[in-house]
């Protein structure tokens, strides 16, 4: 990908291409989020026209931008109608805005230097209007005219809040008025709100989500780690929980229904169903590439679980696990089966206390959960155990 800025107006009308190079839709605009502290504005994603419908595609899903258009990673896109949230700007709204003695002709974006996998505004192209024509005169850094990226006092306050670490933001949310809480929840992207919810007690989660529509709540819960999502769902009334599950994608809903069968004080209730799973003949290089993916959480990347096919839980026979440090010391072409360090696992019915004892006894940062047939159902990380064994209100005590 070139280090030269990509100008947003030149991409308008170009195709959004799937990983197999088939067209998905056409790029219409870019969603920009103003930042605080002099940091470059973030580029959140694309507005794409698909069958006369506008949808949002997160920039984290984009692998490349070229003369052909924007290229998607593998997977599906969310087909819900695009709705702009408080504080967000559209690149097209900046075209024609005054900047000194000139006007903005275009906005140049590029990969972020500080946010892995992210994009940010780099420059603005300025020029003059000559009748119906616009003539370019200069390309300047975005911060020469920072007022272009102001979105109002309320939006700026919300921007400052959403730039906090999820743990700090969760603490700040508890001090906000009900109105401001709702404004913040509406302003956050689904994955951002999911990160915040994971730092709160289940009752605080329910209160924060209370004013959102069931379709939005479903989107947010889908972004949460499965074990955290199950804890939240378990606290809801049965009727409300069923409505929420009915709004989710079938695969995610089925996964959460399976996890809800386990008791909250058991290994099954603690585990996530989405650990990093690989087949034994995968190469070390392949697995390390998966670990490096921006969307893989740090706690997930620490441990890799090796299973016979299929890879989706319940998997084929569980073979064992290996830590990423072991992978770093192995030749890239070696099969991951040669790196297995630990084959310890627990049954889903084991109590959370017994899980903690087992992990402490074997110095484990993660442990597999397997059924009676030796198939991997999920995995438990040490932070999940701590979260369960600490007092229910420990997050409030920390603040």
Protein backbone atom coordinates (compact mmCIF):
# COMPACT_ATOMS: atom_id res chain seq x y z
CA UNK A 1 0.00 0.00 0.00
CA UNK A 2 1.45 3.37 -1.03
CA UNK A 3 2.49 5.89 1.61
CA UNK A 4 0.95 8.63 -0.51
CA UNK A 5 -2.41 9.82 0.85
CA UNK A 6 -5.58 8.38 -0.64
CA UNK A 7 -7.99 11.16 -1.60
CA UNK A 8 -11.52 10.34 -0.62
CA UNK A 9 -13.35 12.06 -3.48
CA UNK A 10 -11.43 9.97 -6.01
CA UNK A 11 -12.75 6.78 -4.44
CA UNK A 12 -16.38 7.85 -4.57
CA UNK A 13 -18.15 5.60 -7.03
CA UNK A 14 -15.41 2.97 -7.10
CA UNK A 15 -16.16 -0.61 -6.19
CA UNK A 16 -15.93 -2.37 -2.86
CA UNK A 17 -14.43 -5.73 -3.75
CA UNK A 18 -14.74 -8.99 -1.79
CA UNK A 19 -11.69 -11.16 -1.09
CA UNK A 20 -12.42 -13.07 -4.31
CA UNK A 21 -12.40 -9.75 -6.23
CA UNK A 22 -16.14 -9.87 -6.91
CA UNK A 23 -17.91 -6.49 -6.50
CA UNK A 24 -19.94 -6.00 -3.33
CA UNK A 25 -21.10 -2.43 -3.77
CA UNK A 26 -19.80 1.06 -4.50
CA UNK A 27 -17.97 3.43 -2.17
CA UNK A 28 -19.99 6.56 -1.54
CA UNK A 29 -18.30 8.32 1.38
CA UNK A 30 -15.94 8.05 4.37
CA UNK A 31 -16.92 8.39 8.04
CA UNK A 32 -14.47 10.52 10.05
CA UNK A 33 -14.29 10.86 13.83
CA UNK A 34 -12.74 14.03 15.31
CA UNK A 35 -10.22 13.35 18.08
CA UNK A 36 -8.94 15.18 21.13
CA UNK A 37 -5.42 16.23 22.09
CA UNK A 38 -4.24 17.16 18.60
CA UNK A 39 -4.34 13.59 17.28
CA UNK A 40 -5.29 13.11 13.61
CA UNK A 41 -9.00 12.46 13.04
CA UNK A 42 -9.79 8.77 12.70
CA UNK A 43 -11.32 7.26 9.60
CA UNK A 44 -13.91 4.86 10.99
CA UNK A 45 -15.09 3.32 7.75
CA UNK A 46 -16.81 3.56 4.40
CA UNK A 47 -20.36 4.35 3.44
CA UNK A 48 -21.13 1.85 0.69
CA UNK A 49 -24.15 1.73 -1.63
CA UNK A 50 -25.44 -1.82 -2.00
CA UNK A 51 -28.65 -2.44 -3.94
CA UNK A 52 -29.75 1.18 -3.38
CA UNK A 53 -29.07 0.79 0.33
CA UNK A 54 -26.35 2.56 2.30
CA UNK A 55 -24.33 0.36 4.66
CA UNK A 56 -21.28 0.97 6.86
CA UNK A 57 -18.03 -0.99 6.41
CA UNK A 58 -15.43 -0.62 9.15
CA UNK A 59 -11.94 0.31 7.95
CA UNK A 60 -10.61 -2.66 9.90
CA UNK A 61 -12.27 -4.84 7.25
CA UNK A 62 -10.30 -3.18 4.44
CA UNK A 63 -7.02 -4.76 3.35
CA UNK A 64 -6.12 -2.45 0.47
CA UNK A 65 -7.24 0.65 -1.38
CA UNK A 66 -6.18 0.82 -5.02
CA UNK A 67 -7.28 2.26 -8.37
CA UNK A 68 -9.78 -0.61 -8.55
CA UNK A 69 -11.45 0.43 -5.29
CA UNK A 70 -11.46 -0.85 -1.71
CA UNK A 71 -10.66 -4.51 -1.02
CA UNK A 72 -12.37 -6.45 1.78
CA UNK A 73 -10.96 -9.08 4.07
CA UNK A 74 -12.75 -12.41 3.92
CA UNK A 75 -16.10 -12.65 5.66
CA UNK A 76 -19.46 -10.95 5.46
CA UNK A 77 -20.53 -7.33 5.82
CA UNK A 78 -23.29 -5.93 8.00
CA UNK A 79 -26.23 -5.13 5.73
CA UNK A 80 -28.04 -2.89 8.20
CA UNK A 81 -28.76 0.62 6.96
CA UNK A 82 -26.00 3.15 7.71
CA UNK A 83 -26.90 5.63 10.45
CA UNK A 84 -24.43 8.34 11.43
CA UNK A 85 -23.74 8.66 15.15
CA UNK A 86 -23.17 11.82 17.20
CA UNK A 87 -19.80 13.46 16.57
CA UNK A 88 -19.12 11.74 13.25
CA UNK A 89 -18.34 13.65 10.05
CA UNK A 90 -18.60 12.64 6.42
CA UNK A 91 -15.66 13.44 4.16
CA UNK A 92 -18.05 14.84 1.53
CA UNK A 93 -19.31 17.43 4.04
CA UNK A 94 -15.84 18.96 4.13
CA UNK A 95 -15.65 19.58 0.38
CA UNK A 96 -16.21 23.28 -0.30
CA UNK A 97 -15.65 24.32 3.33
CA UNK A 98 -13.58 27.51 3.71
CA UNK A 99 -9.95 27.11 4.79
CA UNK A 100 -8.20 30.47 4.98
CA UNK A 101 -8.46 32.11 1.56
CA UNK A 102 -9.20 28.76 -0.09
CA UNK A 103 -11.78 26.01 0.04
CA UNK A 104 -11.39 22.30 0.72
CA UNK A 105 -11.33 20.31 -2.48
CA UNK A 106 -10.49 16.91 -1.02
CA UNK A 107 -9.45 14.99 2.10
CA UNK A 108 -6.39 12.73 2.03
CA UNK A 109 -6.28 9.69 4.33
CA UNK A 110 -3.67 7.04 5.10
CA UNK A 111 -2.81 4.15 7.44
CA UNK A 112 -2.31 5.30 11.02
CA UNK A 113 1.22 5.34 12.43
CA UNK A 114 -0.03 4.78 15.98
CA UNK A 115 -3.19 2.68 15.65
CA UNK A 116 -2.44 -0.72 14.16
CA UNK A 117 -4.82 -1.48 11.34
CA UNK A 118 -6.42 1.97 11.63
CA UNK A 119 -6.67 4.85 9.19
CA UNK A 120 -6.52 8.59 9.82
CA UNK A 121 -6.83 11.92 8.04
CA UNK A 122 -3.40 13.04 6.81
CA UNK A 123 -3.88 16.07 4.54
CA UNK A 124 -6.46 18.33 2.93
CA UNK A 125 -6.30 19.53 -0.64
CA UNK A 126 -7.13 23.23 -1.04
CA UNK A 127 -8.04 25.30 -4.05
CA UNK A 128 -10.27 27.99 -5.51
CA UNK A 129 -13.69 27.88 -7.09
CA UNK A 130 -13.70 29.22 -10.66
CA UNK A 131 -17.31 29.27 -11.76
CA UNK A 132 -18.38 25.66 -11.98
CA UNK A 133 -14.77 24.46 -11.86
CA UNK A 134 -12.47 24.01 -8.90
CA UNK A 135 -8.75 24.55 -9.28
CA UNK A 136 -6.29 22.90 -6.89
CA UNK A 137 -3.58 25.07 -5.34
CA UNK A 138 -2.05 23.24 -2.35
CA UNK A 139 -2.04 20.10 -0.22
CA UNK A 140 -1.46 20.84 3.48
CA UNK A 141 -1.38 18.79 6.72
CA UNK A 142 -4.81 18.38 8.27
CA UNK A 143 -3.79 20.25 11.44
CA UNK A 144 -3.20 23.50 9.56
CA UNK A 145 -6.97 23.90 9.65
CA UNK A 146 -8.10 21.83 12.69
CA UNK A 147 -11.36 23.78 12.87
CA UNK A 148 -12.55 21.77 9.86
CA UNK A 149 -12.81 18.72 12.11
CA UNK A 150 -14.73 20.24 14.99
CA UNK A 151 -18.17 18.70 15.51
CA UNK A 152 -19.64 20.86 18.26
CA UNK A 153 -19.18 21.06 22.04
CA UNK A 154 -21.24 17.98 22.89
CA UNK A 155 -19.56 15.92 20.18
CA UNK A 156 -16.13 17.05 21.40
CA UNK A 157 -16.94 16.00 24.98
CA UNK A 158 -18.13 12.61 23.76
CA UNK A 159 -14.99 12.29 21.61
CA UNK A 160 -12.78 12.91 24.64
CA UNK A 161 -14.66 10.25 26.57
CA UNK A 162 -14.54 7.63 23.83
CA UNK A 163 -10.76 8.01 23.54
CA UNK A 164 -10.32 6.70 27.07
CA UNK A 165 -9.19 3.13 27.66
CA UNK A 166 -12.30 0.91 27.95
CA UNK A 167 -11.59 0.35 31.65
CA UNK A 168 -11.35 4.10 32.34
CA UNK A 169 -14.35 4.82 30.12
CA UNK A 170 -16.43 2.25 32.01
CA UNK A 171 -15.56 4.03 35.26
CA UNK A 172 -16.42 7.41 33.75
CA UNK A 173 -19.77 6.15 32.46
CA UNK A 174 -20.90 5.32 35.99
CA UNK A 175 -20.60 9.02 36.95
CA UNK A 176 -22.57 10.37 33.96
CA UNK A 177 -26.18 11.48 33.99
CA UNK A 178 -28.70 9.09 32.36
CA UNK A 179 -29.00 11.46 29.37
CA UNK A 180 -25.25 11.66 28.80
CA UNK A 181 -24.92 7.90 29.21
CA UNK A 182 -27.43 7.39 26.43
CA UNK A 183 -25.66 9.94 24.20
CA UNK A 184 -22.35 8.18 24.73
CA UNK A 185 -23.80 4.72 24.09
CA UNK A 186 -25.33 6.03 20.86
CA UNK A 187 -22.04 7.63 19.78
CA UNK A 188 -19.84 4.58 20.32
CA UNK A 189 -19.29 2.05 17.56
CA UNK A 190 -20.62 -1.43 18.32
CA UNK A 191 -17.18 -2.87 19.11
CA UNK A 192 -16.30 0.14 21.29
CA UNK A 193 -19.47 -0.20 23.34
CA UNK A 194 -18.84 -3.95 23.63
CA UNK A 195 -15.35 -3.25 25.03
CA UNK A 196 -16.82 -0.89 27.62
CA UNK A 197 -19.54 -3.34 28.65
CA UNK A 198 -16.94 -6.05 29.25
CA UNK A 199 -15.45 -3.81 31.96
CA UNK A 200 -18.73 -3.41 33.86
CA UNK A 201 -20.90 -5.53 36.12
CA UNK A 202 -23.85 -7.23 34.45
CA UNK A 203 -26.36 -4.95 36.18
CA UNK A 204 -24.49 -1.84 35.01
CA UNK A 205 -24.41 -3.32 31.52
CA UNK A 206 -28.18 -3.78 31.51
CA UNK A 207 -28.77 -0.21 32.70
CA UNK A 208 -26.50 1.22 29.99
CA UNK A 209 -28.23 -0.78 27.25
CA UNK A 210 -31.76 -0.11 28.49
CA UNK A 211 -32.42 2.85 26.18
CA UNK A 212 -31.12 1.23 22.99
CA UNK A 213 -33.26 -0.65 20.50
CA UNK A 214 -33.15 -4.44 20.49
CA UNK A 215 -31.45 -4.51 17.06
CA UNK A 216 -28.62 -2.24 18.27
CA UNK A 217 -28.19 -4.24 21.49
CA UNK A 218 -27.98 -7.43 19.42
CA UNK A 219 -25.20 -5.91 17.30
CA UNK A 220 -23.26 -4.90 20.41
CA UNK A 221 -23.65 -8.27 22.16
CA UNK A 222 -22.39 -9.99 18.98
CA UNK A 223 -19.18 -7.95 19.35
CA UNK A 224 -18.62 -9.03 22.96
CA UNK A 225 -16.46 -11.98 23.94
CA UNK A 226 -18.80 -14.99 24.14
CA UNK A 227 -18.23 -15.61 27.86
CA UNK A 228 -18.98 -11.98 28.70
CA UNK A 229 -22.02 -11.99 26.41
CA UNK A 230 -23.38 -15.10 28.12
CA UNK A 231 -22.94 -13.54 31.57
CA UNK A 232 -24.97 -10.53 30.39
CA UNK A 233 -27.69 -12.65 28.77
CA UNK A 234 -28.00 -14.81 31.87
CA UNK A 235 -28.95 -11.72 33.92
CA UNK A 236 -31.80 -10.76 31.57
CA UNK A 237 -35.41 -11.90 31.92
CA UNK A 238 -36.02 -14.96 29.74
CA UNK A 239 -38.44 -13.17 27.38
CA UNK A 240 -36.03 -10.28 26.80
CA UNK A 241 -33.13 -12.70 26.28
CA UNK A 242 -35.07 -14.65 23.64
CA UNK A 243 -35.96 -11.47 21.75
CA UNK A 244 -32.32 -10.48 21.71
CA UNK A 245 -31.11 -13.88 20.54
CA UNK A 246 -33.74 -13.84 17.78
CA UNK A 247 -32.24 -10.57 16.45
CA UNK A 248 -28.71 -11.99 16.25
CA UNK A 249 -27.03 -13.79 13.39
CA UNK A 250 -27.97 -17.48 13.51
CA UNK A 251 -24.41 -18.71 14.07
CA UNK A 252 -23.69 -16.33 16.98
CA UNK A 253 -27.09 -16.99 18.55
CA UNK A 254 -26.61 -20.76 18.39
CA UNK A 255 -23.17 -20.41 19.94
CA UNK A 256 -24.49 -18.33 22.85
CA UNK A 257 -27.45 -20.68 23.39
CA UNK A 258 -24.99 -23.55 23.72
CA UNK A 259 -22.93 -21.65 26.32
CA UNK A 260 -26.06 -20.68 28.26
CA UNK A 261 -26.66 -24.36 29.01
CA UNK A 262 -23.74 -24.41 31.42
CA UNK A 263 -24.03 -23.20 35.00
CA UNK A 264 -22.45 -19.83 35.86
CA UNK A 265 -20.14 -21.40 38.47
CA UNK A 266 -18.70 -24.04 36.11
CA UNK A 267 -15.89 -24.29 33.60
CA UNK A 268 -18.50 -24.29 30.82
CA UNK A 269 -19.90 -21.02 32.16
CA UNK A 270 -16.41 -19.50 32.28
CA UNK A 271 -15.12 -20.52 28.88
CA UNK A 272 -15.07 -18.65 25.61
CA UNK A 273 -16.08 -20.65 22.56
CA UNK A 274 -13.71 -18.65 20.34
CA UNK A 275 -10.15 -19.49 21.39
CA UNK A 276 -7.42 -19.56 18.76
CA UNK A 277 -7.83 -23.04 17.24
CA UNK A 278 -5.62 -24.56 14.56
CA UNK A 279 -5.19 -27.90 12.81
CA UNK A 280 -2.02 -29.89 13.54
CA UNK A 281 -0.56 -29.60 10.03
CA UNK A 282 -0.77 -25.79 9.92
CA UNK A 283 2.67 -24.19 9.76
CA UNK A 284 4.13 -22.05 12.52
CA UNK A 285 4.20 -19.12 10.07
CA UNK A 286 0.46 -19.47 9.37
CA UNK A 287 -0.42 -19.50 13.06
CA UNK A 288 1.80 -16.51 13.84
CA UNK A 289 0.10 -14.61 11.02
CA UNK A 290 -3.28 -15.29 12.65
CA UNK A 291 -1.95 -14.14 16.03
CA UNK A 292 -0.74 -10.86 14.49
CA UNK A 293 -4.19 -10.02 13.11
CA UNK A 294 -5.39 -6.73 14.70
CA UNK A 295 -8.76 -8.19 15.69
CA UNK A 296 -7.22 -10.97 17.83
CA UNK A 297 -7.35 -10.01 21.51
CA UNK A 298 -4.14 -10.20 23.53
CA UNK A 299 -5.56 -12.79 25.93
CA UNK A 300 -6.62 -14.94 22.97
CA UNK A 301 -3.25 -14.67 21.21
CA UNK A 302 -1.29 -16.01 24.19
CA UNK A 303 -2.38 -19.63 23.69
CA UNK A 304 -3.10 -21.72 20.59
CA UNK A 305 -5.23 -24.89 20.78
CA UNK A 306 -4.45 -27.73 18.35
CA UNK A 307 -7.29 -30.01 17.28
CA UNK A 308 -8.18 -32.47 14.57
CA UNK A 309 -10.88 -31.29 12.12
CA UNK A 310 -13.32 -29.66 12.37
CA UNK A 311 -11.87 -26.46 13.83
CA UNK A 312 -15.21 -25.06 15.02
CA UNK A 313 -16.22 -26.16 18.56
CA UNK A 314 -17.04 -28.86 19.31
CA UNK A 315 -13.89 -29.70 17.36
CA UNK A 316 -12.29 -32.97 16.43
CA UNK A 317 -10.04 -34.64 18.97
CA UNK A 318 -8.14 -32.14 21.13
CA UNK A 319 -4.36 -32.65 20.84
CA UNK A 320 -2.92 -29.97 23.10
CA UNK A 321 -1.89 -26.34 23.27
CA UNK A 322 1.19 -24.19 22.78
CA UNK A 323 2.14 -20.67 23.78
CA UNK A 324 3.04 -17.99 21.26
CA UNK A 325 6.59 -17.78 22.69
CA UNK A 326 7.18 -21.40 21.71
CA UNK A 327 5.98 -20.58 18.20
CA UNK A 328 8.42 -17.67 17.99
CA UNK A 329 11.31 -20.04 18.71
CA UNK A 330 10.33 -22.61 16.07
CA UNK A 331 11.28 -22.60 12.35
CA UNK A 332 8.40 -20.99 10.37
CA UNK A 333 7.87 -24.06 8.21
CA UNK A 334 7.43 -26.53 11.07
CA UNK A 335 3.93 -27.93 11.69
CA UNK A 336 2.29 -26.55 14.81
CA UNK A 337 1.79 -30.12 16.05
CA UNK A 338 5.53 -30.20 16.80
CA UNK A 339 5.10 -27.24 19.18
CA UNK A 340 2.50 -28.71 21.55
CA UNK A 341 3.57 -28.07 25.15
CA UNK A 342 0.52 -28.90 27.24
CA UNK A 343 -2.40 -31.32 26.93
CA UNK A 344 -4.20 -30.52 30.19
CA UNK A 345 -7.94 -29.93 29.90
CA UNK A 346 -10.98 -29.69 32.17
CA UNK A 347 -14.57 -30.86 31.86
CA UNK A 348 -17.33 -28.25 31.46
CA UNK A 349 -18.98 -29.24 34.75
CA UNK A 350 -15.88 -28.56 36.88
CA UNK A 351 -16.44 -25.76 39.42
CA UNK A 352 -14.79 -22.39 38.86
CA UNK A 353 -12.82 -22.86 42.10
CA UNK A 354 -11.46 -26.19 40.90
CA UNK A 355 -10.54 -24.60 37.56
CA UNK A 356 -8.54 -21.95 39.42
CA UNK A 357 -6.76 -24.64 41.47
CA UNK A 358 -5.91 -26.61 38.32
CA UNK A 359 -4.55 -23.56 36.51
CA UNK A 360 -2.49 -22.49 39.52
CA UNK A 361 -1.09 -26.01 40.01
CA UNK A 362 0.08 -26.24 36.40
CA UNK A 363 1.03 -22.56 35.95
CA UNK A 364 -1.44 -22.22 33.07
CA UNK A 365 -2.43 -18.94 31.39
CA UNK A 366 -5.22 -20.80 29.63
CA UNK A 367 -6.85 -24.20 29.78
CA UNK A 368 -8.92 -26.18 27.30
CA UNK A 369 -12.48 -27.31 28.09
CA UNK A 370 -13.34 -30.66 26.52
CA UNK A 371 -16.36 -32.98 26.53
CA UNK A 372 -16.30 -36.69 27.40
CA UNK A 373 -15.24 -37.50 23.83
CA UNK A 374 -12.16 -35.29 24.00
CA UNK A 375 -13.59 -32.62 21.67
CA UNK A 376 -12.64 -29.02 22.42
CA UNK A 377 -15.65 -26.95 23.51
CA UNK A 378 -13.80 -23.77 24.39
CA UNK A 379 -11.05 -22.42 26.60
CA UNK A 380 -10.64 -20.46 29.83
CA UNK A 381 -8.04 -17.72 30.32
CA UNK A 382 -6.58 -16.66 33.63
CA UNK A 383 -8.33 -13.26 33.51
CA UNK A 384 -11.70 -15.06 33.25
CA UNK A 385 -10.91 -16.95 36.45
CA UNK A 386 -9.86 -13.80 38.31
CA UNK A 387 -13.00 -12.00 37.18
CA UNK A 388 -15.17 -14.82 38.51
CA UNK A 389 -13.42 -15.34 41.84
CA UNK A 390 -13.16 -11.67 42.84
CA UNK A 391 -16.14 -10.10 44.65
CA UNK A 392 -19.00 -9.13 42.28
CA UNK A 393 -18.46 -5.40 42.90
CA UNK A 394 -14.66 -5.43 42.56
CA UNK A 395 -14.77 -3.07 39.55
CA UNK A 396 -16.56 -0.42 41.59
CA UNK A 397 -14.11 -0.90 44.47
CA UNK A 398 -11.19 -0.23 42.09
CA UNK A 399 -12.65 3.11 41.05
